[in-house]
Amino acid sequence: MKSKETYWSENLRLIFICLAIWFTVSFGFGLLLVEPLNEIRLGGYKLGFWFAQQGSIYSFLALIFWYGAKMNKLDKKYHVKD
């Protein structure tokens, strides 16, 4: 019983990390910090614009793969099968 609770708490920690990164990238970089980021150029585009259009998508994809890899390790650690 204790290992199930520990597994779930570690899973929730990963989810909260993903949500924090998602919020920072989409809302923080895409909306709140767009003006300061627009001073920097990436590939000829303003960085604030890039984060709002492309960077958030790349970040979300990276989060999906990161979460999948971490959950596979967590499943192996606690011997959880699909």
PDB file of N, CA and C in Angstrom:
ATOM      1  N   MET A   1       0.827  -1.200   0.000  1.00  0.00           N
ATOM      2  CA  MET A   1       0.000   0.000   0.000  1.00  0.00           C
ATOM      3  C   MET A   1       0.864   1.254   0.000  1.00  0.00           C
ATOM      4  N   LYS A   2       1.942   1.230   0.756  1.00  0.00           N
ATOM      5  CA  LYS A   2       2.809   2.404   0.844  1.00  0.00           C
ATOM      6  C   LYS A   2       3.465   2.700  -0.503  1.00  0.00           C
ATOM      7  N   SER A   3       3.840   1.653  -1.262  1.00  0.00           N
ATOM      8  CA  SER A   3       4.489   1.887  -2.544  1.00  0.00           C
ATOM      9  C   SER A   3       3.524   2.515  -3.549  1.00  0.00           C
ATOM     10  N   LYS A   4       2.233   2.196  -3.455  1.00  0.00           N
ATOM     11  CA  LYS A   4       1.247   2.817  -4.336  1.00  0.00           C
ATOM     12  C   LYS A   4       1.135   4.311  -4.052  1.00  0.00           C
ATOM     13  N   GLU A   5       1.147   4.664  -2.801  1.00  0.00           N
ATOM     14  CA  GLU A   5       1.065   6.079  -2.430  1.00  0.00           C
ATOM     15  C   GLU A   5       2.323   6.827  -2.869  1.00  0.00           C
ATOM     16  N   THR A   6       3.480   6.203  -2.708  1.00  0.00           N
ATOM     17  CA  THR A   6       4.732   6.818  -3.122  1.00  0.00           C
ATOM     18  C   THR A   6       4.772   6.967  -4.640  1.00  0.00           C
ATOM     19  N   TYR A   7       4.331   5.929  -5.350  1.00  0.00           N
ATOM     20  CA  TYR A   7       4.269   5.976  -6.820  1.00  0.00           C
ATOM     21  C   TYR A   7       3.375   7.126  -7.272  1.00  0.00           C
ATOM     22  N   TRP A   8       2.205   7.233  -6.660  1.00  0.00           N
ATOM     23  CA  TRP A   8       1.266   8.280  -7.053  1.00  0.00           C
ATOM     24  C   TRP A   8       1.816   9.666  -6.721  1.00  0.00           C
ATOM     25  N   SER A   9       2.479   9.815  -5.590  1.00  0.00           N
ATOM     26  CA  SER A   9       3.027  11.130  -5.237  1.00  0.00           C
ATOM     27  C   SER A   9       4.161  11.522  -6.186  1.00  0.00           C
ATOM     28  N   GLU A  10       4.976  10.558  -6.606  1.00  0.00           N
ATOM     29  CA  GLU A  10       6.029  10.867  -7.576  1.00  0.00           C
ATOM     30  C   GLU A  10       5.438  11.204  -8.936  1.00  0.00           C
ATOM     31  N   ASN A  11       4.359  10.517  -9.301  1.00  0.00           N
ATOM     32  CA  ASN A  11       3.669  10.813 -10.551  1.00  0.00           C
ATOM     33  C   ASN A  11       3.083  12.229 -10.515  1.00  0.00           C
ATOM     34  N   LEU A  12       2.458  12.590  -9.412  1.00  0.00           N
ATOM     35  CA  LEU A  12       1.898  13.938  -9.278  1.00  0.00           C
ATOM     36  C   LEU A  12       2.989  15.009  -9.328  1.00  0.00           C
ATOM     37  N   ARG A  13       4.146  14.709  -8.751  1.00  0.00           N
ATOM     38  CA  ARG A  13       5.264  15.655  -8.800  1.00  0.00           C
ATOM     39  C   ARG A  13       5.682  15.894 -10.243  1.00  0.00           C
ATOM     40  N   LEU A  14       5.763  14.830 -11.047  1.00  0.00           N
ATOM     41  CA  LEU A  14       6.106  14.980 -12.462  1.00  0.00           C
ATOM     42  C   LEU A  14       5.054  15.796 -13.214  1.00  0.00           C
ATOM     43  N   ILE A  15       3.794  15.538 -12.895  1.00  0.00           N
ATOM     44  CA  ILE A  15       2.709  16.272 -13.544  1.00  0.00           C
ATOM     45  C   ILE A  15       2.786  17.758 -13.195  1.00  0.00           C
ATOM     46  N   PHE A  16       3.038  18.082 -11.939  1.00  0.00           N
ATOM     47  CA  PHE A  16       3.140  19.490 -11.540  1.00  0.00           C
ATOM     48  C   PHE A  16       4.340  20.174 -12.190  1.00  0.00           C
ATOM     49  N   ILE A  17       5.442  19.455 -12.349  1.00  0.00           N
ATOM     50  CA  ILE A  17       6.604  20.017 -13.052  1.00  0.00           C
ATOM     51  C   ILE A  17       6.242  20.313 -14.501  1.00  0.00           C
ATOM     52  N   CYS A  18       5.562  19.370 -15.146  1.00  0.00           N
ATOM     53  CA  CYS A  18       5.140  19.585 -16.537  1.00  0.00           C
ATOM     54  C   CYS A  18       4.187  20.773 -16.651  1.00  0.00           C
ATOM     55  N   LEU A  19       3.252  20.883 -15.720  1.00  0.00           N
ATOM     56  CA  LEU A  19       2.310  22.005 -15.758  1.00  0.00           C
ATOM     57  C   LEU A  19       3.007  23.342 -15.526  1.00  0.00           C
ATOM     58  N   ALA A  20       3.998  23.364 -14.649  1.00  0.00           N
ATOM     59  CA  ALA A  20       4.739  24.602 -14.393  1.00  0.00           C
ATOM     60  C   ALA A  20       5.526  25.027 -15.628  1.00  0.00           C
ATOM     61  N   ILE A  21       6.166  24.068 -16.279  1.00  0.00           N
ATOM     62  CA  ILE A  21       6.909  24.398 -17.506  1.00  0.00           C
ATOM     63  C   ILE A  21       5.944  24.836 -18.597  1.00  0.00           C
ATOM     64  N   TRP A  22       4.823  24.126 -18.732  1.00  0.00           N
ATOM     65  CA  TRP A  22       3.818  24.484 -19.732  1.00  0.00           C
ATOM     66  C   TRP A  22       3.310  25.911 -19.510  1.00  0.00           C
ATOM     67  N   PHE A  23       2.996  26.248 -18.266  1.00  0.00           N
ATOM     68  CA  PHE A  23       2.508  27.583 -17.951  1.00  0.00           C
ATOM     69  C   PHE A  23       3.575  28.638 -18.243  1.00  0.00           C
ATOM     70  N   THR A  24       4.803  28.369 -17.845  1.00  0.00           N
ATOM     71  CA  THR A  24       5.881  29.331 -18.058  1.00  0.00           C
ATOM     72  C   THR A  24       6.108  29.585 -19.532  1.00  0.00           C
ATOM     73  N   VAL A  25       6.139  28.531 -20.323  1.00  0.00           N
ATOM     74  CA  VAL A  25       6.404  28.684 -21.752  1.00  0.00           C
ATOM     75  C   VAL A  25       5.231  29.350 -22.459  1.00  0.00           C
ATOM     76  N   SER A  26       4.026  28.861 -22.226  1.00  0.00           N
ATOM     77  CA  SER A  26       2.882  29.376 -22.987  1.00  0.00           C
ATOM     78  C   SER A  26       2.428  30.749 -22.511  1.00  0.00           C
ATOM     79  N   PHE A  27       2.215  30.908 -21.227  1.00  0.00           N
ATOM     80  CA  PHE A  27       1.699  32.174 -20.715  1.00  0.00           C
ATOM     81  C   PHE A  27       2.823  33.164 -20.433  1.00  0.00           C
ATOM     82  N   GLY A  28       3.890  32.675 -19.799  1.00  0.00           N
ATOM     83  CA  GLY A  28       4.991  33.563 -19.426  1.00  0.00           C
ATOM     84  C   GLY A  28       5.753  34.089 -20.627  1.00  0.00           C
ATOM     85  N   PHE A  29       6.313  33.172 -21.422  1.00  0.00           N
ATOM     86  CA  PHE A  29       7.122  33.596 -22.566  1.00  0.00           C
ATOM     87  C   PHE A  29       6.266  34.075 -23.729  1.00  0.00           C
ATOM     88  N   GLY A  30       5.097  33.471 -23.912  1.00  0.00           N
ATOM     89  CA  GLY A  30       4.249  33.823 -25.050  1.00  0.00           C
ATOM     90  C   GLY A  30       3.447  35.087 -24.862  1.00  0.00           C
ATOM     91  N   LEU A  31       3.148  35.482 -23.609  1.00  0.00           N
ATOM     92  CA  LEU A  31       2.308  36.663 -23.372  1.00  0.00           C
ATOM     93  C   LEU A  31       2.956  37.707 -22.456  1.00  0.00           C
ATOM     94  N   LEU A  32       3.361  37.278 -21.274  1.00  0.00           N
ATOM     95  CA  LEU A  32       3.844  38.246 -20.290  1.00  0.00           C
ATOM     96  C   LEU A  32       5.218  38.821 -20.629  1.00  0.00           C
ATOM     97  N   LEU A  33       6.116  37.984 -21.088  1.00  0.00           N
ATOM     98  CA  LEU A  33       7.488  38.427 -21.351  1.00  0.00           C
ATOM     99  C   LEU A  33       7.773  38.635 -22.835  1.00  0.00           C
ATOM    100  N   VAL A  34       6.724  38.808 -23.628  1.00  0.00           N
ATOM    101  CA  VAL A  34       6.919  38.906 -25.072  1.00  0.00           C
ATOM    102  C   VAL A  34       7.720  40.155 -25.465  1.00  0.00           C
ATOM    103  N   GLU A  35       7.488  41.268 -24.832  1.00  0.00           N
ATOM    104  CA  GLU A  35       8.207  42.501 -25.199  1.00  0.00           C
ATOM    105  C   GLU A  35       9.701  42.412 -24.908  1.00  0.00           C
ATOM    106  N   PRO A  36      10.118  41.993 -23.702  1.00  0.00           N
ATOM    107  CA  PRO A  36      11.565  41.859 -23.485  1.00  0.00           C
ATOM    108  C   PRO A  36      12.195  40.790 -24.377  1.00  0.00           C
ATOM    109  N   LEU A  37      11.467  39.715 -24.638  1.00  0.00           N
ATOM    110  CA  LEU A  37      12.010  38.661 -25.490  1.00  0.00           C
ATOM    111  C   LEU A  37      12.114  39.085 -26.946  1.00  0.00           C
ATOM    112  N   ASN A  38      11.294  40.046 -27.361  1.00  0.00           N
ATOM    113  CA  ASN A  38      11.343  40.516 -28.742  1.00  0.00           C
ATOM    114  C   ASN A  38      12.627  41.287 -29.052  1.00  0.00           C
ATOM    115  N   GLU A  39      13.375  41.661 -28.032  1.00  0.00           N
ATOM    116  CA  GLU A  39      14.663  42.318 -28.249  1.00  0.00           C
ATOM    117  C   GLU A  39      15.709  41.334 -28.764  1.00  0.00           C
ATOM    118  N   ILE A  40      15.477  40.056 -28.556  1.00  0.00           N
ATOM    119  CA  ILE A  40      16.402  38.998 -28.981  1.00  0.00           C
ATOM    120  C   ILE A  40      15.856  38.384 -30.261  1.00  0.00           C
ATOM    121  N   ARG A  41      16.745  38.096 -31.194  1.00  0.00           N
ATOM    122  CA  ARG A  41      16.321  37.480 -32.457  1.00  0.00           C
ATOM    123  C   ARG A  41      16.813  36.040 -32.525  1.00  0.00           C
ATOM    124  N   LEU A  42      15.960  35.166 -33.071  1.00  0.00           N
ATOM    125  CA  LEU A  42      16.289  33.762 -33.256  1.00  0.00           C
ATOM    126  C   LEU A  42      15.919  33.387 -34.687  1.00  0.00           C
ATOM    127  N   GLY A  43      16.910  33.122 -35.496  1.00  0.00           N
ATOM    128  CA  GLY A  43      16.653  32.761 -36.891  1.00  0.00           C
ATOM    129  C   GLY A  43      15.981  33.872 -37.673  1.00  0.00           C
ATOM    130  N   GLY A  44      16.261  35.124 -37.321  1.00  0.00           N
ATOM    131  CA  GLY A  44      15.669  36.254 -38.017  1.00  0.00           C
ATOM    132  C   GLY A  44      14.333  36.706 -37.462  1.00  0.00           C
ATOM    133  N   TYR A  45      13.793  35.975 -36.500  1.00  0.00           N
ATOM    134  CA  TYR A  45      12.502  36.335 -35.905  1.00  0.00           C
ATOM    135  C   TYR A  45      12.703  36.809 -34.476  1.00  0.00           C
ATOM    136  N   LYS A  46      11.802  37.648 -34.024  1.00  0.00           N
ATOM    137  CA  LYS A  46      11.840  38.091 -32.634  1.00  0.00           C
ATOM    138  C   LYS A  46      11.544  36.895 -31.733  1.00  0.00           C
ATOM    139  N   LEU A  47      12.279  36.776 -30.640  1.00  0.00           N
ATOM    140  CA  LEU A  47      12.162  35.604 -29.777  1.00  0.00           C
ATOM    141  C   LEU A  47      10.782  35.495 -29.130  1.00  0.00           C
ATOM    142  N   GLY A  48      10.174  36.603 -28.765  1.00  0.00           N
ATOM    143  CA  GLY A  48       8.823  36.567 -28.191  1.00  0.00           C
ATOM    144  C   GLY A  48       7.814  36.011 -29.179  1.00  0.00           C
ATOM    145  N   PHE A  49       7.909  36.454 -30.421  1.00  0.00           N
ATOM    146  CA  PHE A  49       7.036  35.931 -31.472  1.00  0.00           C
ATOM    147  C   PHE A  49       7.314  34.446 -31.698  1.00  0.00           C
ATOM    148  N   TRP A  50       8.603  34.073 -31.709  1.00  0.00           N
ATOM    149  CA  TRP A  50       8.972  32.679 -31.932  1.00  0.00           C
ATOM    150  C   TRP A  50       8.399  31.780 -30.838  1.00  0.00           C
ATOM    151  N   PHE A  51       8.491  32.221 -29.576  1.00  0.00           N
ATOM    152  CA  PHE A  51       7.938  31.406 -28.482  1.00  0.00           C
ATOM    153  C   PHE A  51       6.431  31.283 -28.614  1.00  0.00           C
ATOM    154  N   ALA A  52       5.760  32.336 -28.998  1.00  0.00           N
ATOM    155  CA  ALA A  52       4.302  32.288 -29.117  1.00  0.00           C
ATOM    156  C   ALA A  52       3.870  31.377 -30.264  1.00  0.00           C
ATOM    157  N   GLN A  53       4.672  31.306 -31.326  1.00  0.00           N
ATOM    158  CA  GLN A  53       4.269  30.532 -32.500  1.00  0.00           C
ATOM    159  C   GLN A  53       4.900  29.143 -32.567  1.00  0.00           C
ATOM    160  N   GLN A  54       6.216  29.066 -32.420  1.00  0.00           N
ATOM    161  CA  GLN A  54       6.924  27.812 -32.622  1.00  0.00           C
ATOM    162  C   GLN A  54       7.457  27.209 -31.326  1.00  0.00           C
ATOM    163  N   GLY A  55       8.035  28.042 -30.497  1.00  0.00           N
ATOM    164  CA  GLY A  55       8.715  27.560 -29.301  1.00  0.00           C
ATOM    165  C   GLY A  55       7.812  26.821 -28.350  1.00  0.00           C
ATOM    166  N   SER A  56       6.583  27.286 -28.213  1.00  0.00           N
ATOM    167  CA  SER A  56       5.668  26.602 -27.302  1.00  0.00           C
ATOM    168  C   SER A  56       5.340  25.205 -27.816  1.00  0.00           C
ATOM    169  N   ILE A  57       5.201  25.047 -29.117  1.00  0.00           N
ATOM    170  CA  ILE A  57       4.918  23.724 -29.691  1.00  0.00           C
ATOM    171  C   ILE A  57       6.092  22.789 -29.455  1.00  0.00           C
ATOM    172  N   TYR A  58       7.309  23.278 -29.724  1.00  0.00           N
ATOM    173  CA  TYR A  58       8.495  22.449 -29.494  1.00  0.00           C
ATOM    174  C   TYR A  58       8.640  22.102 -28.012  1.00  0.00           C
ATOM    175  N   SER A  59       8.343  23.049 -27.158  1.00  0.00           N
ATOM    176  CA  SER A  59       8.427  22.795 -25.717  1.00  0.00           C
ATOM    177  C   SER A  59       7.409  21.747 -25.286  1.00  0.00           C
ATOM    178  N   PHE A  60       6.199  21.820 -25.810  1.00  0.00           N
ATOM    179  CA  PHE A  60       5.168  20.857 -25.461  1.00  0.00           C
ATOM    180  C   PHE A  60       5.554  19.455 -25.925  1.00  0.00           C
ATOM    181  N   LEU A  61       6.109  19.356 -27.143  1.00  0.00           N
ATOM    182  CA  LEU A  61       6.555  18.053 -27.636  1.00  0.00           C
ATOM    183  C   LEU A  61       7.679  17.494 -26.771  1.00  0.00           C
ATOM    184  N   ALA A  62       8.617  18.354 -26.394  1.00  0.00           N
ATOM    185  CA  ALA A  62       9.712  17.917 -25.520  1.00  0.00           C
ATOM    186  C   ALA A  62       9.164  17.456 -24.173  1.00  0.00           C
ATOM    187  N   LEU A  63       8.152  18.152 -23.646  1.00  0.00           N
ATOM    188  CA  LEU A  63       7.529  17.748 -22.382  1.00  0.00           C
ATOM    189  C   LEU A  63       6.866  16.376 -22.482  1.00  0.00           C
ATOM    190  N   ILE A  64       6.223  16.098 -23.598  1.00  0.00           N
ATOM    191  CA  ILE A  64       5.569  14.803 -23.783  1.00  0.00           C
ATOM    192  C   ILE A  64       6.599  13.683 -23.728  1.00  0.00           C
ATOM    193  N   PHE A  65       7.704  13.848 -24.458  1.00  0.00           N
ATOM    194  CA  PHE A  65       8.728  12.806 -24.480  1.00  0.00           C
ATOM    195  C   PHE A  65       9.437  12.688 -23.131  1.00  0.00           C
ATOM    196  N   TRP A  66       9.685  13.820 -22.489  1.00  0.00           N
ATOM    197  CA  TRP A  66      10.327  13.802 -21.176  1.00  0.00           C
ATOM    198  C   TRP A  66       9.443  13.080 -20.157  1.00  0.00           C
ATOM    199  N   TYR A  67       8.152  13.430 -20.145  1.00  0.00           N
ATOM    200  CA  TYR A  67       7.219  12.801 -19.212  1.00  0.00           C
ATOM    201  C   TYR A  67       7.112  11.302 -19.482  1.00  0.00           C
ATOM    202  N   GLY A  68       7.052  10.921 -20.746  1.00  0.00           N
ATOM    203  CA  GLY A  68       6.982   9.503 -21.092  1.00  0.00           C
ATOM    204  C   GLY A  68       8.202   8.734 -20.606  1.00  0.00           C
ATOM    205  N   ALA A  69       9.382   9.314 -20.792  1.00  0.00           N
ATOM    206  CA  ALA A  69      10.611   8.658 -20.347  1.00  0.00           C
ATOM    207  C   ALA A  69      10.654   8.553 -18.824  1.00  0.00           C
ATOM    208  N   LYS A  70      10.282   9.629 -18.127  1.00  0.00           N
ATOM    209  CA  LYS A  70      10.288   9.605 -16.663  1.00  0.00           C
ATOM    210  C   LYS A  70       9.263   8.609 -16.121  1.00  0.00           C
ATOM    211  N   MET A  71       8.104   8.522 -16.758  1.00  0.00           N
ATOM    212  CA  MET A  71       7.084   7.573 -16.298  1.00  0.00           C
ATOM    213  C   MET A  71       7.518   6.134 -16.553  1.00  0.00           C
ATOM    214  N   ASN A  72       8.222   5.880 -17.652  1.00  0.00           N
ATOM    215  CA  ASN A  72       8.737   4.531 -17.887  1.00  0.00           C
ATOM    216  C   ASN A  72       9.711   4.132 -16.782  1.00  0.00           C
ATOM    217  N   LYS A  73      10.586   5.068 -16.386  1.00  0.00           N
ATOM    218  CA  LYS A  73      11.518   4.790 -15.290  1.00  0.00           C
ATOM    219  C   LYS A  73      10.770   4.576 -13.976  1.00  0.00           C
ATOM    220  N   LEU A  74       9.751   5.394 -13.751  1.00  0.00           N
ATOM    221  CA  LEU A  74       8.961   5.272 -12.525  1.00  0.00           C
ATOM    222  C   LEU A  74       8.208   3.940 -12.497  1.00  0.00           C
ATOM    223  N   ASP A  75       7.657   3.542 -13.641  1.00  0.00           N
ATOM    224  CA  ASP A  75       6.958   2.260 -13.716  1.00  0.00           C
ATOM    225  C   ASP A  75       7.903   1.095 -13.422  1.00  0.00           C
ATOM    226  N   LYS A  76       9.108   1.159 -13.967  1.00  0.00           N
ATOM    227  CA  LYS A  76      10.082   0.094 -13.706  1.00  0.00           C
ATOM    228  C   LYS A  76      10.507   0.089 -12.240  1.00  0.00           C
ATOM    229  N   LYS A  77      10.653   1.275 -11.666  1.00  0.00           N
ATOM    230  CA  LYS A  77      11.072   1.381 -10.271  1.00  0.00           C
ATOM    231  C   LYS A  77      10.059   0.726  -9.338  1.00  0.00           C
ATOM    232  N   TYR A  78       8.765   0.903  -9.621  1.00  0.00           N
ATOM    233  CA  TYR A  78       7.716   0.368  -8.761  1.00  0.00           C
ATOM    234  C   TYR A  78       7.048  -0.883  -9.331  1.00  0.00           C
ATOM    235  N   HIS A  79       7.627  -1.441 -10.406  1.00  0.00           N
ATOM    236  CA  HIS A  79       7.144  -2.670 -11.013  1.00  0.00           C
ATOM    237  C   HIS A  79       5.670  -2.568 -11.418  1.00  0.00           C
ATOM    238  N   VAL A  80       5.342  -1.469 -12.084  1.00  0.00           N
ATOM    239  CA  VAL A  80       3.969  -1.246 -12.543  1.00  0.00           C
ATOM    240  C   VAL A  80       3.896  -1.644 -14.009  1.00  0.00           C
ATOM    241  N   LYS A  81       2.890  -2.409 -14.360  1.00  0.00           N
ATOM    242  CA  LYS A  81       2.693  -2.827 -15.739  1.00  0.00           C
ATOM    243  C   LYS A  81       1.462  -2.122 -16.292  1.00  0.00           C
ATOM    244  N   ASP A  82       1.456  -1.891 -17.606  1.00  0.00           N
ATOM    245  CA  ASP A  82       0.325  -1.224 -18.249  1.00  0.00           C
ATOM    246  C   ASP A  82      -0.928  -2.058 -18.183  1.00  0.00           C
TER     247      ASP A  82
END
